[in-house]
Amino acid sequence: MGRRLFSCFCKGSCSSSSSSSPGTEHHGKTNGTEEEPAPEGPIMVELFSSQGCATSPAGELLLSRLGRGDFKLEAPVIVLAYHVDYWDYNGWKDPYGSSQWTVRQKAYVEALKLDTMFTPQVVVQGRAQCVPNDEDVLLSTIATAPRFPAPSFQANFKRPTSETLQVTLTGALRFKVDNNGVDVMVALYENGLVNDCCAGENKGKMLSNDFVVRKLEKLCNVQDIPAKKTISGTVTFTLWDSFNSDRCAIAVFAQNNYHQIFGSQKFQIPDDI
């Protein structure tokens, strides 16, 4: 079993409630290429992890393999790893941990009616969860997840300054949005992160992390629109000192108030950015 925290807590406010079941004008040419296009969109697989948790490295390894395509799946996947901060007290402060990701996990705890938060935890399409210590369980959870059309966004990347990355997205969500609305989110994630852990439960280990979410921004909120309606927006990410576009990509996804995912798409960042 995964490492468990027997009280649910987070810093800041939580916007999700319980559920019974688990614009800006576009300018310039597109200079990003969509990865792995498909008639139906990828399945979103979110990992909640921490370098301060002894059982998380095994989950990280399994999810890295999943994201690299080591398993034969009927559908492509988008993997995002959120490093929570509630194990930081235990001797090692996760360099990628954030209370923002703890808040997101707590929203899933509430929406999926779970008793506790724990790491490592996987949430698939925002509707089902499992502990990533069993390859068969993980693959089964992915195989039974609902699929939705991929959005048809085109992406334009710019660097207004050396410290920022601007992404403009224009396209259709390809599903009808009702009056409850959805948020269109953009995650900037990084692969190939390696560091020595000098304290805590993983002391002395060299930890490798992929698909680590470094930034998450809301592109827009949309309500009551048809599937083919074009929407557009721009997000600006503040970059970190070691930012390397070769190791980074973005994922775009639509989520409702319960963080259920209704479509996702990913883009490589151009080499010349």
Protein backbone atom coordinates (compact mmCIF):
# COMPACT_ATOMS: atom_id res chain seq x y z
CA MET A 1 0.00 0.00 0.00
CA GLY A 2 1.02 3.57 -0.46
CA ARG A 3 2.24 5.73 2.34
CA ARG A 4 -0.83 7.20 4.05
CA LEU A 5 -1.54 10.43 5.84
CA PHE A 6 -4.45 9.85 8.17
CA SER A 7 -5.74 13.39 8.25
CA CYS A 8 -6.66 15.43 5.21
CA PHE A 9 -5.18 18.88 5.20
CA CYS A 10 -3.96 21.54 2.82
CA LYS A 11 -2.76 25.11 2.79
CA GLY A 12 -5.13 27.63 1.26
CA SER A 13 -8.70 27.15 0.12
CA CYS A 14 -10.13 24.13 -1.69
CA SER A 15 -12.58 24.78 -4.49
CA SER A 16 -13.94 21.30 -5.14
CA SER A 17 -17.03 19.77 -3.56
CA SER A 18 -18.08 16.16 -3.10
CA SER A 19 -19.29 14.02 -5.97
CA SER A 20 -21.02 10.69 -5.97
CA SER A 21 -18.83 9.27 -8.70
CA PRO A 22 -15.43 8.59 -8.61
CA GLY A 23 -10.01 35.10 -24.60
CA THR A 24 -7.17 36.44 -26.13
CA GLU A 25 -6.75 36.99 -29.89
CA HIS A 26 -4.34 34.60 -31.57
CA HIS A 27 -1.30 36.11 -33.34
CA GLY A 28 1.48 34.56 -35.37
CA LYS A 29 1.93 31.12 -36.85
CA THR A 30 1.84 27.93 -34.87
CA ASN A 31 5.32 26.87 -33.85
CA GLY A 32 4.44 23.91 -31.66
CA THR A 33 3.63 20.39 -32.84
CA GLU A 34 0.96 18.25 -31.26
CA GLU A 35 2.17 14.95 -29.86
CA GLU A 36 0.43 11.69 -30.75
CA PRO A 37 -2.82 12.95 -32.33
CA ALA A 38 -5.73 10.50 -32.11
CA PRO A 39 -9.44 10.45 -33.09
CA GLU A 40 -10.18 10.21 -29.40
CA GLY A 41 -8.05 12.09 -26.95
CA PRO A 42 -5.49 10.81 -24.49
CA ILE A 43 -6.34 9.64 -21.00
CA MET A 44 -5.10 11.93 -18.24
CA VAL A 45 -3.12 10.14 -15.52
CA GLU A 46 -2.22 12.32 -12.54
CA LEU A 47 0.34 11.18 -9.98
CA PHE A 48 0.54 12.71 -6.50
CA SER A 49 3.97 12.04 -5.11
CA SER A 50 6.71 13.32 -2.81
CA GLN A 51 10.44 12.88 -2.54
CA GLY A 52 9.86 12.75 1.20
CA CYS A 53 7.82 9.54 0.96
CA ALA A 54 9.66 6.22 0.95
CA THR A 55 7.15 4.52 -1.38
CA SER A 56 6.89 7.31 -3.95
CA PRO A 57 10.04 6.49 -5.98
CA ALA A 58 8.58 3.15 -7.06
CA GLY A 59 5.38 4.90 -8.18
CA GLU A 60 7.43 7.52 -10.00
CA LEU A 61 9.31 4.80 -11.88
CA LEU A 62 6.11 3.08 -12.98
CA LEU A 63 4.58 6.35 -14.17
CA SER A 64 7.77 7.28 -16.04
CA ARG A 65 7.56 3.98 -17.89
CA LEU A 66 3.89 4.60 -18.60
CA GLY A 67 4.58 8.05 -20.03
CA ARG A 68 7.46 6.72 -22.16
CA GLY A 69 5.13 4.19 -23.77
CA ASP A 70 6.56 1.01 -22.24
CA PHE A 71 3.12 -0.59 -22.01
CA LYS A 72 0.80 -1.66 -24.81
CA LEU A 73 -2.28 0.50 -24.32
CA GLU A 74 -5.32 1.01 -26.53
CA ALA A 75 -5.27 4.74 -25.80
CA PRO A 76 -2.45 7.27 -25.46
CA VAL A 77 -1.93 8.79 -22.04
CA ILE A 78 -0.81 12.12 -20.67
CA VAL A 79 1.05 11.78 -17.38
CA LEU A 80 1.33 14.68 -14.95
CA ALA A 81 3.18 14.35 -11.64
CA TYR A 82 2.24 16.73 -8.83
CA HIS A 83 4.67 16.80 -5.90
CA VAL A 84 2.80 17.60 -2.68
CA ASP A 85 4.36 19.37 0.27
CA TYR A 86 2.89 17.64 3.32
CA TRP A 87 5.87 15.30 3.76
CA ASP A 88 8.35 18.19 3.85
CA TYR A 89 8.28 18.18 7.66
CA ASN A 90 9.81 14.71 7.68
CA GLY A 91 13.43 15.77 7.12
CA TRP A 92 13.51 16.46 3.37
CA LYS A 93 11.89 19.39 1.55
CA ASP A 94 10.83 18.22 -1.90
CA PRO A 95 12.36 20.75 -4.38
CA TYR A 96 9.30 20.37 -6.61
CA GLY A 97 6.70 20.26 -3.85
CA SER A 98 3.95 22.85 -3.62
CA SER A 99 0.93 23.51 -1.43
CA GLN A 100 -0.94 24.15 -4.72
CA TRP A 101 -0.61 20.48 -5.60
CA THR A 102 -1.67 19.46 -2.07
CA VAL A 103 -4.83 21.51 -2.60
CA ARG A 104 -5.48 19.71 -5.88
CA GLN A 105 -5.09 16.31 -4.26
CA LYS A 106 -7.39 17.25 -1.42
CA ALA A 107 -10.03 18.24 -3.98
CA TYR A 108 -9.85 14.71 -5.38
CA VAL A 109 -10.06 13.22 -1.88
CA GLU A 110 -13.33 15.10 -1.41
CA ALA A 111 -14.71 14.43 -4.90
CA LEU A 112 -13.92 10.70 -4.77
CA LYS A 113 -15.13 10.43 -1.16
CA LEU A 114 -11.85 9.06 0.19
CA ASP A 115 -10.92 9.01 3.87
CA THR A 116 -7.32 10.15 3.59
CA MET A 117 -4.64 11.73 1.44
CA PHE A 118 -1.66 9.51 0.67
CA THR A 119 1.33 9.19 -1.61
CA PRO A 120 1.88 7.85 -4.11
CA GLN A 121 -1.63 8.12 -5.56
CA VAL A 122 -2.81 8.04 -9.17
CA VAL A 123 -6.04 9.66 -10.37
CA VAL A 124 -7.24 8.70 -13.86
CA GLN A 125 -9.41 11.15 -15.84
CA GLY A 126 -10.36 12.68 -12.48
CA ARG A 127 -12.80 9.83 -11.91
CA ALA A 128 -10.95 6.83 -10.47
CA GLN A 129 -7.89 6.39 -8.30
CA CYS A 130 -5.40 3.70 -7.34
CA VAL A 131 -2.07 3.18 -5.60
CA PRO A 132 0.66 2.82 -8.26
CA ASN A 133 2.40 -0.13 -6.64
CA ASP A 134 0.67 -2.70 -8.88
CA GLU A 135 1.19 -2.49 -12.62
CA ASP A 136 -1.89 -4.57 -13.42
CA VAL A 137 -4.20 -2.43 -11.27
CA LEU A 138 -2.85 0.77 -12.84
CA LEU A 139 -3.27 -0.52 -16.40
CA SER A 140 -6.76 -1.83 -15.62
CA THR A 141 -7.81 1.53 -14.20
CA ILE A 142 -6.56 3.25 -17.35
CA ALA A 143 -8.21 0.69 -19.66
CA THR A 144 -11.65 1.25 -18.11
CA ALA A 145 -11.44 5.05 -18.05
CA PRO A 146 -13.84 7.06 -20.24
CA ARG A 147 -12.37 8.73 -23.31
CA PHE A 148 -13.21 12.07 -24.88
CA PRO A 149 -12.23 13.77 -28.13
CA ALA A 150 -8.95 15.63 -28.00
CA PRO A 151 -9.24 19.42 -28.26
CA SER A 152 -8.16 20.86 -31.61
CA PHE A 153 -5.92 23.60 -30.25
CA GLN A 154 -3.03 25.09 -32.15
CA ALA A 155 -0.25 26.48 -29.99
CA ASN A 156 1.96 29.53 -30.46
CA PHE A 157 4.96 29.87 -28.16
CA LYS A 158 6.83 33.13 -27.44
CA ARG A 159 9.45 34.35 -24.96
CA PRO A 160 8.47 37.96 -24.12
CA THR A 161 11.39 38.04 -21.68
CA SER A 162 14.12 35.64 -20.64
CA GLU A 163 12.12 34.89 -17.50
CA THR A 164 8.75 34.15 -19.13
CA LEU A 165 7.12 31.78 -21.61
CA GLN A 166 3.90 32.84 -23.31
CA VAL A 167 1.57 30.25 -24.84
CA THR A 168 -1.41 31.22 -27.02
CA LEU A 169 -3.93 28.48 -27.77
CA THR A 170 -6.72 28.64 -30.36
CA GLY A 171 -9.14 25.86 -31.24
CA ALA A 172 -12.25 23.95 -30.19
CA LEU A 173 -12.81 21.71 -27.18
CA ARG A 174 -14.77 19.25 -29.38
CA PHE A 175 -17.41 18.55 -26.75
CA LYS A 176 -20.52 20.50 -25.82
CA VAL A 177 -20.15 22.51 -22.63
CA ASP A 178 -23.30 23.04 -20.57
CA ASN A 179 -24.19 25.88 -18.20
CA ASN A 180 -22.03 24.39 -15.43
CA GLY A 181 -18.97 25.23 -17.48
CA VAL A 182 -15.40 23.95 -17.52
CA ASP A 183 -11.99 25.45 -16.85
CA VAL A 184 -9.39 25.04 -19.57
CA MET A 185 -6.07 24.48 -17.81
CA VAL A 186 -2.48 24.56 -19.09
CA ALA A 187 0.27 22.66 -17.28
CA LEU A 188 3.98 23.20 -17.94
CA TYR A 189 5.90 20.06 -17.00
CA GLU A 190 9.50 18.88 -17.01
CA ASN A 191 11.21 15.54 -17.63
CA GLY A 192 14.58 14.14 -16.72
CA LEU A 193 14.95 15.63 -13.25
CA VAL A 194 17.59 13.90 -11.13
CA ASN A 195 18.83 14.87 -7.68
CA ASP A 196 20.41 13.36 -4.60
CA CYS A 197 18.19 13.09 -1.55
CA CYS A 198 20.25 14.04 1.49
CA ALA A 199 17.72 13.52 4.29
CA GLY A 200 14.36 12.01 5.15
CA GLU A 201 13.01 8.59 4.25
CA ASN A 202 14.88 8.47 0.93
CA LYS A 203 18.21 9.64 2.35
CA GLY A 204 21.17 8.53 0.27
CA LYS A 205 19.11 7.76 -2.82
CA MET A 206 19.39 9.37 -6.23
CA LEU A 207 15.84 10.28 -7.23
CA SER A 208 14.64 10.51 -10.82
CA ASN A 209 11.42 12.32 -11.70
CA ASP A 210 9.58 12.79 -14.99
CA PHE A 211 6.43 14.69 -16.03
CA VAL A 212 6.83 16.97 -13.03
CA VAL A 213 4.31 19.83 -13.14
CA ARG A 214 6.23 23.05 -12.57
CA LYS A 215 3.44 25.53 -13.39
CA LEU A 216 -0.34 25.31 -13.83
CA GLU A 217 -2.44 28.19 -15.17
CA LYS A 218 -6.07 28.63 -16.22
CA LEU A 219 -6.46 29.58 -19.87
CA CYS A 220 -10.16 30.43 -19.57
CA ASN A 221 -13.55 29.34 -18.28
CA VAL A 222 -16.20 28.46 -20.85
CA GLN A 223 -19.93 27.87 -20.44
CA ASP A 224 -22.79 26.85 -22.71
CA ILE A 225 -20.90 26.49 -26.00
CA PRO A 226 -21.18 23.95 -28.85
CA ALA A 227 -18.46 21.43 -29.51
CA LYS A 228 -17.05 23.18 -32.58
CA LYS A 229 -16.93 26.73 -31.21
CA THR A 230 -13.44 28.23 -31.45
CA ILE A 231 -12.00 29.60 -28.24
CA SER A 232 -8.69 31.36 -27.72
CA GLY A 233 -6.53 32.47 -24.83
CA THR A 234 -3.02 33.15 -23.63
CA VAL A 235 -1.16 32.08 -20.51
CA THR A 236 2.20 33.38 -19.34
CA PHE A 237 4.47 31.19 -17.25
CA THR A 238 7.19 32.60 -15.00
CA LEU A 239 10.19 30.36 -15.57
CA TRP A 240 12.67 28.94 -13.07
CA ASP A 241 16.45 29.44 -13.25
CA SER A 242 17.25 26.03 -14.72
CA PHE A 243 14.46 26.07 -17.34
CA ASN A 244 15.41 24.02 -20.40
CA SER A 245 12.85 23.86 -23.20
CA ASP A 246 14.27 20.52 -24.39
CA ARG A 247 13.03 18.89 -21.20
CA CYS A 248 9.65 20.61 -21.04
CA ALA A 249 6.23 20.31 -22.64
CA ILE A 250 2.72 21.53 -21.98
CA ALA A 251 -0.56 19.71 -21.42
CA VAL A 252 -3.93 21.34 -22.03
CA PHE A 253 -7.05 19.90 -20.46
CA ALA A 254 -10.64 20.78 -19.63
CA GLN A 255 -11.94 20.05 -16.13
CA ASN A 256 -15.21 20.64 -14.31
CA ASN A 257 -15.73 21.74 -10.71
CA TYR A 258 -14.93 18.22 -9.48
CA HIS A 259 -11.69 18.13 -11.51
CA GLN A 260 -13.12 15.49 -13.83
CA ILE A 261 -11.23 15.63 -17.14
CA PHE A 262 -13.18 15.99 -20.40
CA GLY A 263 -10.41 16.17 -22.96
CA SER A 264 -6.67 16.72 -23.10
CA GLN A 265 -3.89 17.48 -25.53
CA LYS A 266 -0.13 17.96 -25.27
CA PHE A 267 2.50 19.94 -27.14
CA GLN A 268 6.27 19.86 -27.33
CA ILE A 269 7.94 23.24 -26.84
CA PRO A 270 9.81 24.29 -30.00
CA ASP A 271 13.60 23.94 -29.95
CA ASP A 272 14.13 27.60 -30.90
CA ILE A 273 12.23 29.01 -27.89
